[in-house]
N, C-alpha and C. Protein backbone atom coordinates (compact mmCIF):
# COMPACT_ATOMS: atom_id res chain seq x y z
N MET A 1 336.14 -133.77 39.58
CA MET A 1 334.85 -133.13 39.28
C MET A 1 334.35 -133.64 37.93
N THR A 2 333.06 -133.96 37.89
CA THR A 2 332.44 -134.43 36.66
C THR A 2 331.86 -133.25 35.90
N HIS A 3 332.25 -133.09 34.66
CA HIS A 3 331.76 -131.98 33.86
C HIS A 3 330.62 -132.47 32.97
N LEU A 4 329.58 -131.65 32.86
CA LEU A 4 328.46 -131.98 32.01
C LEU A 4 328.82 -131.72 30.56
N SER A 5 328.33 -132.57 29.68
CA SER A 5 328.53 -132.35 28.25
C SER A 5 327.78 -131.10 27.83
N PRO A 6 328.33 -130.37 26.87
CA PRO A 6 327.67 -129.13 26.45
C PRO A 6 326.37 -129.41 25.71
N VAL A 7 325.43 -128.47 25.86
CA VAL A 7 324.18 -128.55 25.11
C VAL A 7 324.44 -127.97 23.73
N VAL A 8 324.31 -128.80 22.70
CA VAL A 8 324.55 -128.34 21.34
C VAL A 8 323.32 -127.59 20.82
N GLN A 9 322.14 -128.08 21.19
CA GLN A 9 320.90 -127.45 20.73
C GLN A 9 319.80 -127.70 21.77
N ARG A 10 318.94 -126.72 21.95
CA ARG A 10 317.80 -126.90 22.85
C ARG A 10 316.52 -126.58 22.08
N LEU A 11 315.56 -127.49 22.20
CA LEU A 11 314.27 -127.31 21.56
C LEU A 11 313.20 -127.16 22.63
N ARG A 12 312.23 -126.32 22.34
CA ARG A 12 311.09 -126.12 23.24
C ARG A 12 309.82 -126.61 22.52
N ILE A 13 309.15 -127.56 23.16
CA ILE A 13 307.94 -128.14 22.59
C ILE A 13 306.74 -127.68 23.41
N THR A 14 305.79 -127.06 22.75
CA THR A 14 304.51 -126.73 23.39
C THR A 14 303.53 -127.84 23.02
N PHE A 15 302.94 -128.46 24.04
CA PHE A 15 302.11 -129.63 23.75
C PHE A 15 300.83 -129.60 24.57
N GLY A 16 299.91 -130.48 24.21
CA GLY A 16 298.64 -130.57 24.90
C GLY A 16 298.40 -131.94 25.48
N LYS A 17 297.57 -131.98 26.51
CA LYS A 17 297.15 -133.24 27.15
C LYS A 17 295.62 -133.28 27.13
N ALA A 18 295.08 -134.40 26.67
CA ALA A 18 293.63 -134.53 26.63
C ALA A 18 293.27 -136.00 26.85
N GLY A 19 291.97 -136.27 26.98
CA GLY A 19 291.51 -137.64 27.17
C GLY A 19 292.10 -138.28 28.41
N PRO A 20 292.38 -139.59 28.37
CA PRO A 20 292.94 -140.28 29.55
C PRO A 20 294.26 -139.71 30.03
N LEU A 21 294.99 -139.04 29.13
CA LEU A 21 296.29 -138.49 29.50
C LEU A 21 296.17 -137.39 30.55
N ARG A 22 294.95 -136.84 30.71
CA ARG A 22 294.73 -135.81 31.74
C ARG A 22 295.02 -136.35 33.13
N TYR A 23 294.91 -137.66 33.31
CA TYR A 23 295.08 -138.27 34.63
C TYR A 23 296.49 -138.83 34.82
N THR A 24 297.42 -138.35 34.01
CA THR A 24 298.82 -138.76 34.11
C THR A 24 299.58 -137.74 34.96
N SER A 25 300.30 -138.22 35.95
CA SER A 25 301.05 -137.32 36.84
C SER A 25 302.21 -136.67 36.10
N ASN A 26 302.78 -135.64 36.70
CA ASN A 26 303.91 -134.95 36.09
C ASN A 26 305.11 -135.88 35.92
N LEU A 27 305.36 -136.73 36.92
CA LEU A 27 306.48 -137.68 36.83
C LEU A 27 306.27 -138.67 35.70
N ASP A 28 305.04 -139.20 35.59
CA ASP A 28 304.76 -140.15 34.52
C ASP A 28 304.77 -139.47 33.15
N MET A 29 304.37 -138.18 33.13
CA MET A 29 304.41 -137.45 31.86
C MET A 29 305.84 -137.30 31.38
N ALA A 30 306.76 -137.07 32.30
CA ALA A 30 308.17 -136.98 31.93
C ALA A 30 308.66 -138.31 31.36
N LYS A 31 308.21 -139.42 31.95
CA LYS A 31 308.60 -140.75 31.44
C LYS A 31 308.02 -141.00 30.06
N ILE A 32 306.77 -140.56 29.85
CA ILE A 32 306.15 -140.70 28.53
C ILE A 32 306.95 -139.94 27.48
N TRP A 33 307.38 -138.73 27.83
CA TRP A 33 308.17 -137.95 26.89
C TRP A 33 309.53 -138.58 26.64
N GLU A 34 310.13 -139.18 27.67
CA GLU A 34 311.41 -139.88 27.47
C GLU A 34 311.25 -140.98 26.43
N ARG A 35 310.21 -141.79 26.58
CA ARG A 35 309.97 -142.90 25.63
C ARG A 35 309.68 -142.35 24.23
N THR A 36 308.87 -141.31 24.16
CA THR A 36 308.51 -140.75 22.86
C THR A 36 309.73 -140.20 22.14
N LEU A 37 310.58 -139.47 22.85
CA LEU A 37 311.76 -138.87 22.23
C LEU A 37 312.77 -139.94 21.80
N ARG A 38 312.90 -141.00 22.61
CA ARG A 38 313.81 -142.10 22.23
C ARG A 38 313.29 -142.82 20.99
N ARG A 39 311.97 -143.09 20.96
CA ARG A 39 311.40 -143.78 19.81
C ARG A 39 311.51 -142.95 18.54
N ALA A 40 311.46 -141.63 18.69
CA ALA A 40 311.62 -140.75 17.54
C ALA A 40 313.09 -140.60 17.15
N GLU A 41 313.98 -141.19 17.95
CA GLU A 41 315.42 -141.23 17.68
C GLU A 41 316.04 -139.84 17.59
N LEU A 42 315.66 -139.00 18.54
CA LEU A 42 316.31 -137.70 18.64
C LEU A 42 317.63 -137.84 19.39
N PRO A 43 318.65 -137.06 19.02
CA PRO A 43 319.96 -137.17 19.68
C PRO A 43 319.96 -136.49 21.06
N LEU A 44 319.32 -137.13 22.01
CA LEU A 44 319.16 -136.54 23.34
C LEU A 44 320.48 -136.47 24.09
N LEU A 45 320.61 -135.42 24.88
CA LEU A 45 321.76 -135.29 25.78
C LEU A 45 321.37 -135.89 27.13
N TYR A 46 322.25 -136.74 27.69
CA TYR A 46 321.95 -137.42 28.95
C TYR A 46 322.81 -136.88 30.09
N THR A 47 322.28 -137.03 31.29
CA THR A 47 323.05 -136.67 32.47
C THR A 47 324.17 -137.68 32.67
N ARG A 48 325.16 -137.30 33.48
CA ARG A 48 326.25 -138.21 33.82
C ARG A 48 325.90 -138.97 35.09
N GLY A 49 326.67 -140.01 35.38
CA GLY A 49 326.49 -140.73 36.63
C GLY A 49 325.90 -142.12 36.43
N PHE A 50 325.55 -142.75 37.56
CA PHE A 50 325.08 -144.13 37.54
C PHE A 50 323.72 -144.25 36.87
N ASN A 51 322.79 -143.36 37.23
CA ASN A 51 321.43 -143.42 36.69
C ASN A 51 321.24 -142.28 35.70
N THR A 52 321.68 -142.49 34.48
CA THR A 52 321.62 -141.42 33.48
C THR A 52 320.18 -141.22 32.98
N ARG A 53 319.82 -139.97 32.78
CA ARG A 53 318.49 -139.64 32.28
C ARG A 53 318.64 -138.56 31.21
N PRO A 54 317.73 -138.54 30.26
CA PRO A 54 317.78 -137.45 29.26
C PRO A 54 317.54 -136.10 29.91
N ARG A 55 318.22 -135.10 29.43
CA ARG A 55 318.10 -133.76 30.00
C ARG A 55 316.88 -133.06 29.38
N ILE A 56 315.74 -133.33 30.00
CA ILE A 56 314.50 -132.71 29.58
C ILE A 56 313.84 -132.08 30.82
N SER A 57 313.03 -131.06 30.61
CA SER A 57 312.38 -130.44 31.75
C SER A 57 311.00 -129.94 31.35
N LEU A 58 310.01 -130.24 32.21
CA LEU A 58 308.65 -129.76 32.03
C LEU A 58 308.50 -128.44 32.78
N ALA A 59 307.75 -127.52 32.20
CA ALA A 59 307.68 -126.17 32.76
C ALA A 59 306.94 -126.11 34.08
N MET A 60 305.75 -126.68 34.15
CA MET A 60 304.91 -126.49 35.33
C MET A 60 303.98 -127.69 35.48
N PRO A 61 304.00 -128.36 36.65
CA PRO A 61 303.11 -129.50 36.86
C PRO A 61 301.65 -129.13 36.60
N LEU A 62 300.92 -130.05 35.98
CA LEU A 62 299.50 -129.84 35.70
C LEU A 62 298.71 -130.75 36.63
N PRO A 63 297.81 -130.20 37.45
CA PRO A 63 297.03 -131.04 38.36
C PRO A 63 296.27 -132.13 37.61
N LEU A 64 296.11 -133.28 38.24
CA LEU A 64 295.42 -134.41 37.62
C LEU A 64 294.00 -134.02 37.23
N GLY A 65 293.57 -134.51 36.08
CA GLY A 65 292.22 -134.28 35.62
C GLY A 65 292.03 -133.04 34.79
N ILE A 66 293.07 -132.23 34.65
CA ILE A 66 292.98 -130.98 33.89
C ILE A 66 293.61 -131.18 32.52
N SER A 67 292.91 -130.76 31.47
CA SER A 67 293.45 -130.82 30.12
C SER A 67 294.23 -129.53 29.83
N SER A 68 294.97 -129.53 28.75
CA SER A 68 295.79 -128.36 28.42
C SER A 68 296.19 -128.40 26.96
N ASP A 69 296.47 -127.22 26.41
CA ASP A 69 297.11 -127.15 25.11
C ASP A 69 298.27 -126.15 25.14
N CYS A 70 298.86 -125.97 26.34
CA CYS A 70 299.94 -124.97 26.47
C CYS A 70 301.10 -125.48 27.32
N GLU A 71 301.20 -126.79 27.54
CA GLU A 71 302.31 -127.31 28.35
C GLU A 71 303.63 -127.14 27.61
N ILE A 72 304.71 -126.98 28.35
CA ILE A 72 306.01 -126.69 27.75
C ILE A 72 307.05 -127.70 28.20
N LEU A 73 307.80 -128.22 27.23
CA LEU A 73 308.89 -129.16 27.48
C LEU A 73 310.14 -128.65 26.79
N ASP A 74 311.23 -128.54 27.55
CA ASP A 74 312.53 -128.21 26.96
C ASP A 74 313.37 -129.48 26.88
N ILE A 75 314.00 -129.70 25.74
CA ILE A 75 314.87 -130.87 25.57
C ILE A 75 316.24 -130.40 25.10
N SER A 76 317.29 -131.04 25.64
CA SER A 76 318.67 -130.71 25.27
C SER A 76 319.21 -131.80 24.37
N LEU A 77 319.86 -131.39 23.29
CA LEU A 77 320.38 -132.34 22.30
C LEU A 77 321.91 -132.29 22.27
N ARG A 78 322.51 -133.44 22.03
CA ARG A 78 323.98 -133.53 21.96
C ARG A 78 324.49 -133.26 20.56
N GLU A 79 323.58 -133.30 19.56
CA GLU A 79 323.92 -133.02 18.17
C GLU A 79 322.88 -132.06 17.61
N ARG A 80 323.32 -131.24 16.69
CA ARG A 80 322.38 -130.28 16.11
C ARG A 80 321.42 -130.99 15.17
N LEU A 81 320.15 -130.63 15.29
CA LEU A 81 319.10 -131.24 14.48
C LEU A 81 318.52 -130.15 13.57
N ASP A 82 318.77 -130.28 12.27
CA ASP A 82 318.16 -129.36 11.30
C ASP A 82 316.78 -129.90 10.99
N PHE A 83 315.78 -129.21 11.49
CA PHE A 83 314.44 -129.79 11.41
C PHE A 83 313.45 -128.85 10.74
N CYS A 84 312.44 -129.46 10.16
CA CYS A 84 311.25 -128.77 9.70
C CYS A 84 310.20 -129.01 10.78
N GLU A 85 309.58 -127.94 11.28
CA GLU A 85 308.66 -128.08 12.41
C GLU A 85 307.55 -129.08 12.11
N ALA A 86 306.95 -128.99 10.94
CA ALA A 86 305.86 -129.90 10.59
C ALA A 86 306.36 -131.34 10.52
N GLY A 87 307.55 -131.54 9.96
CA GLY A 87 308.10 -132.88 9.85
C GLY A 87 308.44 -133.48 11.21
N LEU A 88 309.02 -132.67 12.11
CA LEU A 88 309.36 -133.18 13.43
C LEU A 88 308.10 -133.44 14.24
N ARG A 89 307.08 -132.60 14.09
CA ARG A 89 305.81 -132.84 14.78
C ARG A 89 305.23 -134.20 14.34
N GLU A 90 305.24 -134.45 13.05
CA GLU A 90 304.71 -135.73 12.54
C GLU A 90 305.54 -136.90 13.06
N ARG A 91 306.83 -136.71 13.11
CA ARG A 91 307.74 -137.76 13.60
C ARG A 91 307.47 -138.10 15.06
N LEU A 92 307.21 -137.08 15.88
CA LEU A 92 306.94 -137.30 17.30
C LEU A 92 305.54 -137.90 17.52
N LEU A 93 304.57 -137.37 16.80
CA LEU A 93 303.19 -137.85 16.99
C LEU A 93 303.04 -139.31 16.56
N ALA A 94 303.88 -139.75 15.63
CA ALA A 94 303.81 -141.13 15.16
C ALA A 94 304.15 -142.14 16.26
N VAL A 95 304.87 -141.68 17.30
CA VAL A 95 305.28 -142.60 18.37
C VAL A 95 304.78 -142.13 19.74
N SER A 96 303.84 -141.20 19.75
CA SER A 96 303.32 -140.67 21.02
C SER A 96 301.97 -141.30 21.36
N PRO A 97 301.58 -141.29 22.63
CA PRO A 97 300.31 -141.91 23.04
C PRO A 97 299.11 -141.05 22.67
N HIS A 98 297.95 -141.69 22.65
CA HIS A 98 296.71 -140.98 22.37
C HIS A 98 296.47 -139.91 23.45
N GLY A 99 296.05 -138.74 23.02
CA GLY A 99 295.79 -137.66 23.96
C GLY A 99 296.89 -136.62 24.03
N LEU A 100 298.04 -136.93 23.44
CA LEU A 100 299.14 -135.98 23.41
C LEU A 100 299.14 -135.26 22.06
N SER A 101 299.09 -133.96 22.07
CA SER A 101 299.15 -133.16 20.84
C SER A 101 300.36 -132.24 20.91
N ILE A 102 300.85 -131.84 19.75
CA ILE A 102 301.99 -130.93 19.69
C ILE A 102 301.55 -129.65 19.02
N VAL A 103 301.64 -128.56 19.75
CA VAL A 103 301.17 -127.26 19.28
C VAL A 103 302.26 -126.54 18.50
N ALA A 104 303.49 -126.57 19.01
CA ALA A 104 304.59 -125.85 18.36
C ALA A 104 305.92 -126.43 18.81
N ILE A 105 306.92 -126.27 17.95
CA ILE A 105 308.30 -126.66 18.27
C ILE A 105 309.20 -125.52 17.82
N GLU A 106 310.06 -125.05 18.73
CA GLU A 106 310.95 -123.95 18.38
C GLU A 106 312.32 -124.17 19.01
N GLU A 107 313.31 -123.55 18.42
CA GLU A 107 314.66 -123.61 18.97
C GLU A 107 314.86 -122.43 19.91
N VAL A 108 315.48 -122.69 21.07
CA VAL A 108 315.79 -121.64 22.03
C VAL A 108 317.29 -121.68 22.31
N ALA A 109 317.79 -120.62 22.93
CA ALA A 109 319.23 -120.54 23.21
C ALA A 109 319.67 -121.69 24.11
N PRO A 110 320.76 -122.37 23.78
CA PRO A 110 321.22 -123.50 24.58
C PRO A 110 321.45 -123.17 26.05
N ARG A 111 321.84 -121.94 26.33
CA ARG A 111 322.14 -121.54 27.71
C ARG A 111 321.01 -120.72 28.34
N SER A 112 319.83 -120.80 27.77
CA SER A 112 318.70 -120.06 28.35
C SER A 112 318.36 -120.63 29.72
N SER A 113 317.79 -119.80 30.57
CA SER A 113 317.49 -120.22 31.94
C SER A 113 316.41 -121.29 31.95
N ALA A 114 316.37 -122.05 33.04
CA ALA A 114 315.40 -123.14 33.15
C ALA A 114 313.99 -122.62 33.00
N VAL A 115 313.20 -123.32 32.19
CA VAL A 115 311.85 -122.85 31.90
C VAL A 115 310.99 -122.81 33.16
N GLN A 116 311.24 -123.73 34.10
CA GLN A 116 310.43 -123.77 35.33
C GLN A 116 310.54 -122.47 36.12
N SER A 117 311.72 -121.85 36.11
CA SER A 117 311.95 -120.66 36.92
C SER A 117 311.32 -119.41 36.32
N ARG A 118 310.82 -119.50 35.09
CA ARG A 118 310.31 -118.31 34.40
C ARG A 118 308.80 -118.28 34.30
N ILE A 119 308.11 -119.35 34.69
CA ILE A 119 306.66 -119.36 34.66
C ILE A 119 306.12 -118.56 35.84
N VAL A 120 305.22 -117.61 35.57
CA VAL A 120 304.69 -116.77 36.64
C VAL A 120 303.18 -116.89 36.83
N SER A 121 302.46 -117.29 35.79
CA SER A 121 301.01 -117.39 35.94
C SER A 121 300.43 -118.30 34.86
N ALA A 122 299.18 -118.68 35.06
CA ALA A 122 298.50 -119.57 34.13
C ALA A 122 297.05 -119.15 33.98
N GLU A 123 296.51 -119.36 32.78
CA GLU A 123 295.11 -119.08 32.52
C GLU A 123 294.34 -120.39 32.38
N TYR A 124 293.13 -120.42 32.95
CA TYR A 124 292.31 -121.62 32.94
C TYR A 124 290.91 -121.29 32.41
N HIS A 125 290.34 -122.24 31.69
CA HIS A 125 288.97 -122.14 31.21
C HIS A 125 288.18 -123.22 31.92
N ILE A 126 287.23 -122.81 32.75
CA ILE A 126 286.45 -123.76 33.55
C ILE A 126 285.03 -123.80 33.01
N ARG A 127 284.66 -124.97 32.49
CA ARG A 127 283.34 -125.15 31.89
C ARG A 127 282.44 -125.86 32.87
N PHE A 128 281.26 -125.31 33.09
CA PHE A 128 280.29 -125.91 34.01
C PHE A 128 279.25 -126.71 33.23
N TYR A 129 279.12 -127.98 33.58
CA TYR A 129 278.10 -128.82 32.96
C TYR A 129 276.75 -128.61 33.65
N ASP A 130 276.79 -128.31 34.94
CA ASP A 130 275.58 -127.93 35.65
C ASP A 130 275.33 -126.45 35.34
N ARG A 131 274.18 -126.17 34.83
CA ARG A 131 273.90 -124.79 34.42
C ARG A 131 274.09 -123.82 35.58
N GLN A 132 274.87 -122.77 35.34
CA GLN A 132 275.12 -121.74 36.34
C GLN A 132 274.43 -120.45 35.91
N GLU A 133 273.68 -119.87 36.82
CA GLU A 133 273.06 -118.58 36.52
C GLU A 133 274.16 -117.52 36.44
N ARG A 134 274.18 -116.82 35.34
CA ARG A 134 275.24 -115.84 35.10
C ARG A 134 275.32 -114.79 36.22
N ALA A 135 274.13 -114.29 36.64
CA ALA A 135 274.11 -113.27 37.68
C ALA A 135 274.65 -113.80 38.99
N SER A 136 274.31 -115.05 39.32
CA SER A 136 274.80 -115.66 40.56
C SER A 136 276.31 -115.85 40.51
N LEU A 137 276.80 -116.31 39.37
CA LEU A 137 278.24 -116.52 39.21
C LEU A 137 278.99 -115.19 39.30
N GLN A 138 278.44 -114.18 38.67
CA GLN A 138 279.08 -112.87 38.71
C GLN A 138 279.11 -112.31 40.13
N ARG A 139 278.06 -112.57 40.89
CA ARG A 139 278.01 -112.10 42.28
C ARG A 139 279.08 -112.79 43.12
N LYS A 140 279.24 -114.10 42.93
CA LYS A 140 280.25 -114.83 43.69
C LYS A 140 281.65 -114.32 43.37
N ILE A 141 281.90 -114.04 42.12
CA ILE A 141 283.21 -113.52 41.72
C ILE A 141 283.46 -112.15 42.35
N ALA A 142 282.45 -111.28 42.28
CA ALA A 142 282.59 -109.94 42.83
C ALA A 142 282.85 -109.98 44.33
N GLU A 143 282.15 -110.86 45.04
CA GLU A 143 282.33 -110.98 46.49
C GLU A 143 283.73 -111.49 46.82
N LEU A 144 284.23 -112.43 46.02
CA LEU A 144 285.57 -112.96 46.29
C LEU A 144 286.64 -111.90 46.01
N LEU A 145 286.52 -111.21 44.89
CA LEU A 145 287.53 -110.22 44.52
C LEU A 145 287.49 -108.99 45.42
N ALA A 146 286.36 -108.76 46.07
CA ALA A 146 286.24 -107.60 46.97
C ALA A 146 287.01 -107.78 48.26
N GLN A 147 287.39 -109.02 48.58
CA GLN A 147 288.11 -109.28 49.82
C GLN A 147 289.57 -108.83 49.68
N SER A 148 290.05 -108.13 50.67
CA SER A 148 291.44 -107.66 50.64
C SER A 148 292.42 -108.79 50.96
N THR A 149 291.98 -109.74 51.76
CA THR A 149 292.80 -110.92 52.07
C THR A 149 291.90 -112.16 52.03
N ILE A 150 292.48 -113.28 51.61
CA ILE A 150 291.77 -114.57 51.61
C ILE A 150 292.73 -115.58 52.23
N ILE A 151 292.55 -115.86 53.49
CA ILE A 151 293.46 -116.74 54.22
C ILE A 151 292.98 -118.19 54.12
N VAL A 152 293.88 -119.06 53.70
CA VAL A 152 293.57 -120.48 53.62
C VAL A 152 294.65 -121.26 54.38
N GLU A 153 294.26 -122.41 54.89
CA GLU A 153 295.21 -123.31 55.55
C GLU A 153 295.61 -124.41 54.58
N ARG A 154 296.88 -124.73 54.62
CA ARG A 154 297.39 -125.80 53.77
C ARG A 154 298.22 -126.75 54.61
N THR A 155 298.17 -128.02 54.23
CA THR A 155 298.97 -129.04 54.89
C THR A 155 299.88 -129.69 53.86
N ARG A 156 301.16 -129.66 54.11
CA ARG A 156 302.13 -130.26 53.20
C ARG A 156 303.16 -131.01 54.03
N ARG A 157 303.30 -132.27 53.72
CA ARG A 157 304.23 -133.12 54.46
C ARG A 157 303.99 -133.02 55.96
N ARG A 158 302.71 -133.10 56.33
CA ARG A 158 302.25 -133.08 57.73
C ARG A 158 302.48 -131.75 58.43
N LYS A 159 302.85 -130.72 57.67
CA LYS A 159 303.04 -129.40 58.26
C LYS A 159 301.92 -128.48 57.79
N ARG A 160 301.31 -127.80 58.74
CA ARG A 160 300.22 -126.88 58.41
C ARG A 160 300.77 -125.46 58.29
N SER A 161 300.21 -124.72 57.35
CA SER A 161 300.61 -123.33 57.17
C SER A 161 299.38 -122.53 56.73
N VAL A 162 299.46 -121.23 56.93
CA VAL A 162 298.38 -120.34 56.48
C VAL A 162 298.97 -119.41 55.42
N MET A 163 298.11 -119.03 54.46
CA MET A 163 298.60 -118.21 53.35
C MET A 163 297.47 -117.32 52.85
N ASP A 164 297.83 -116.11 52.48
CA ASP A 164 296.88 -115.20 51.85
C ASP A 164 296.95 -115.43 50.34
N VAL A 165 295.87 -115.99 49.77
CA VAL A 165 295.88 -116.32 48.35
C VAL A 165 295.26 -115.22 47.49
N ARG A 166 294.79 -114.14 48.11
CA ARG A 166 294.17 -113.08 47.31
C ARG A 166 295.11 -112.53 46.25
N PRO A 167 296.41 -112.31 46.55
CA PRO A 167 297.31 -111.79 45.50
C PRO A 167 297.53 -112.78 44.35
N LEU A 168 297.16 -114.04 44.56
CA LEU A 168 297.38 -115.05 43.53
C LEU A 168 296.25 -115.09 42.50
N ILE A 169 295.15 -114.40 42.79
CA ILE A 169 294.03 -114.32 41.84
C ILE A 169 294.23 -113.06 41.00
N LEU A 170 294.70 -113.22 39.79
CA LEU A 170 295.05 -112.07 38.95
C LEU A 170 293.83 -111.52 38.22
N SER A 171 292.94 -112.40 37.80
CA SER A 171 291.68 -111.93 37.19
C SER A 171 290.70 -113.09 37.12
N LEU A 172 289.41 -112.75 37.18
CA LEU A 172 288.31 -113.71 37.02
C LEU A 172 287.27 -113.06 36.12
N ASN A 173 286.85 -113.81 35.08
CA ASN A 173 285.85 -113.29 34.16
C ASN A 173 284.90 -114.41 33.74
N ILE A 174 283.83 -114.03 33.10
CA ILE A 174 282.85 -114.99 32.59
C ILE A 174 282.70 -114.78 31.09
N ASP A 175 282.69 -115.88 30.32
CA ASP A 175 282.49 -115.73 28.88
C ASP A 175 281.00 -115.79 28.54
N GLU A 176 280.69 -115.78 27.26
CA GLU A 176 279.29 -115.72 26.82
C GLU A 176 278.48 -116.95 27.21
N GLN A 177 279.16 -118.08 27.41
CA GLN A 177 278.48 -119.31 27.81
C GLN A 177 278.47 -119.51 29.32
N ALA A 178 278.78 -118.47 30.06
CA ALA A 178 278.83 -118.50 31.53
C ALA A 178 279.87 -119.50 32.03
N ASN A 179 280.96 -119.63 31.28
CA ASN A 179 282.12 -120.38 31.76
C ASN A 179 283.08 -119.41 32.44
N LEU A 180 283.87 -119.94 33.36
CA LEU A 180 284.76 -119.11 34.15
C LEU A 180 286.15 -119.06 33.53
N LEU A 181 286.68 -117.86 33.37
CA LEU A 181 288.03 -117.65 32.87
C LEU A 181 288.87 -117.11 34.01
N ALA A 182 289.85 -117.90 34.43
CA ALA A 182 290.64 -117.56 35.61
C ALA A 182 292.12 -117.41 35.25
N HIS A 183 292.72 -116.32 35.70
CA HIS A 183 294.15 -116.09 35.54
C HIS A 183 294.76 -116.12 36.93
N LEU A 184 295.58 -117.16 37.20
CA LEU A 184 296.08 -117.41 38.54
C LEU A 184 297.61 -117.44 38.57
N SER A 185 298.16 -116.99 39.67
CA SER A 185 299.61 -117.00 39.85
C SER A 185 300.11 -118.42 40.10
N VAL A 186 301.28 -118.72 39.53
CA VAL A 186 301.97 -119.98 39.80
C VAL A 186 303.46 -119.67 39.92
N GLY A 187 304.22 -120.63 40.37
CA GLY A 187 305.66 -120.42 40.45
C GLY A 187 306.12 -119.94 41.82
N ASP A 188 307.22 -119.18 41.82
CA ASP A 188 307.85 -118.78 43.07
C ASP A 188 306.98 -117.87 43.93
N ARG A 189 306.07 -117.12 43.31
CA ARG A 189 305.20 -116.21 44.08
C ARG A 189 304.12 -116.97 44.84
N GLY A 190 303.90 -118.21 44.47
CA GLY A 190 302.85 -119.00 45.09
C GLY A 190 301.94 -119.59 44.03
N ASN A 191 301.25 -120.66 44.39
CA ASN A 191 300.38 -121.35 43.44
C ASN A 191 298.96 -121.41 43.98
N LEU A 192 298.02 -121.11 43.12
CA LEU A 192 296.62 -121.31 43.45
C LEU A 192 296.02 -122.22 42.38
N ARG A 193 295.63 -123.42 42.80
CA ARG A 193 295.06 -124.37 41.87
C ARG A 193 293.63 -123.98 41.51
N PRO A 194 293.20 -124.28 40.28
CA PRO A 194 291.84 -123.92 39.90
C PRO A 194 290.77 -124.64 40.71
N ASP A 195 291.04 -125.87 41.18
CA ASP A 195 290.05 -126.55 42.02
C ASP A 195 289.94 -125.88 43.39
N ASP A 196 291.04 -125.31 43.88
CA ASP A 196 290.98 -124.54 45.12
C ASP A 196 290.18 -123.25 44.91
N LEU A 197 290.32 -122.66 43.73
CA LEU A 197 289.54 -121.46 43.41
C LEU A 197 288.04 -121.78 43.43
N LEU A 198 287.67 -122.91 42.85
CA LEU A 198 286.26 -123.29 42.84
C LEU A 198 285.72 -123.47 44.25
N GLU A 199 286.56 -124.00 45.13
CA GLU A 199 286.14 -124.15 46.53
C GLU A 199 285.92 -122.77 47.17
N LEU A 200 286.79 -121.82 46.87
CA LEU A 200 286.63 -120.47 47.42
C LEU A 200 285.35 -119.81 46.91
N LEU A 201 284.92 -120.19 45.71
CA LEU A 201 283.70 -119.64 45.13
C LEU A 201 282.47 -120.46 45.49
N ASN A 202 282.65 -121.47 46.35
CA ASN A 202 281.56 -122.38 46.71
C ASN A 202 280.99 -123.08 45.48
N LEU A 203 281.88 -123.42 44.55
CA LEU A 203 281.48 -124.11 43.33
C LEU A 203 282.17 -125.47 43.20
N ASP A 204 282.81 -125.92 44.29
CA ASP A 204 283.54 -127.18 44.22
C ASP A 204 282.61 -128.37 44.01
N GLY A 205 281.32 -128.20 44.30
CA GLY A 205 280.37 -129.30 44.07
C GLY A 205 279.78 -129.29 42.68
N ALA A 206 280.06 -128.25 41.89
CA ALA A 206 279.52 -128.15 40.54
C ALA A 206 280.27 -129.10 39.61
N HIS A 207 279.54 -129.70 38.68
CA HIS A 207 280.14 -130.59 37.69
C HIS A 207 280.82 -129.73 36.63
N SER A 208 282.13 -129.84 36.52
CA SER A 208 282.87 -128.96 35.62
C SER A 208 284.08 -129.66 35.03
N SER A 209 284.61 -129.06 33.98
CA SER A 209 285.89 -129.50 33.41
C SER A 209 286.81 -128.30 33.38
N ILE A 210 288.10 -128.55 33.57
CA ILE A 210 289.08 -127.46 33.65
C ILE A 210 290.14 -127.66 32.57
N HIS A 211 290.44 -126.58 31.87
CA HIS A 211 291.42 -126.62 30.78
C HIS A 211 292.42 -125.49 30.98
N ARG A 212 293.71 -125.82 30.97
CA ARG A 212 294.74 -124.77 31.05
C ARG A 212 295.03 -124.30 29.63
N SER A 213 294.84 -122.99 29.40
CA SER A 213 294.92 -122.46 28.04
C SER A 213 296.17 -121.66 27.75
N ARG A 214 296.86 -121.19 28.81
CA ARG A 214 298.06 -120.39 28.57
C ARG A 214 298.95 -120.35 29.80
N LEU A 215 300.26 -120.39 29.56
CA LEU A 215 301.26 -120.17 30.59
C LEU A 215 301.99 -118.87 30.26
N HIS A 216 302.15 -118.02 31.28
CA HIS A 216 302.86 -116.76 31.10
C HIS A 216 304.28 -116.90 31.65
N MET A 217 305.25 -116.44 30.88
CA MET A 217 306.66 -116.57 31.25
C MET A 217 307.32 -115.21 31.30
N LEU A 218 308.30 -115.08 32.20
CA LEU A 218 309.17 -113.92 32.20
C LEU A 218 310.09 -113.98 30.99
N SER A 219 310.41 -112.84 30.40
CA SER A 219 311.34 -112.81 29.28
C SER A 219 312.75 -113.06 29.81
N GLU A 220 313.62 -113.50 28.93
CA GLU A 220 315.01 -113.78 29.31
C GLU A 220 315.70 -112.49 29.71
């Protein structure tokens, strides 16, 4: 039996994606972080076996084209790193690509549960470039939320399924600029993408930008 090396320290990085980086897939984002962490010369802990990889994990995939300032990355270290948050942020940003920002860096318990399993919901800010009448937008939201069930069909790996997505819409609001603020379920309970929400509101043809502003996690 192959035993994994112990995690000496685990760091959690909250980061943002903007500009061209918005169109980077989750898999490619993981590779970008691998290169960035290696260039910053952090003492990463690697998996065992033929194809060793650094033990890092992203919290929740971000759909292509969506910006964010709340993405979460956990990294496992083989040696303890006594760090100053500002200094480590500068060290990472010096070798990171354009569009990647670092919001916070904190130490978490080495044996804490996987961050992916603890994400339960996400908040999105949807800005409309095509002017939306506030009253019309409010009416569409009210009509959608008034439905007790919202059945949608999904196709995944050539298999079709039906799902009630109404429980996945936790809240919908409008800010002073008539932008949409959406709080949607993600994770094990089910996922509702913000572009799917726009389709349900008959706004999928509107010119808009979507920004993920917060991820909600279960406490340990």
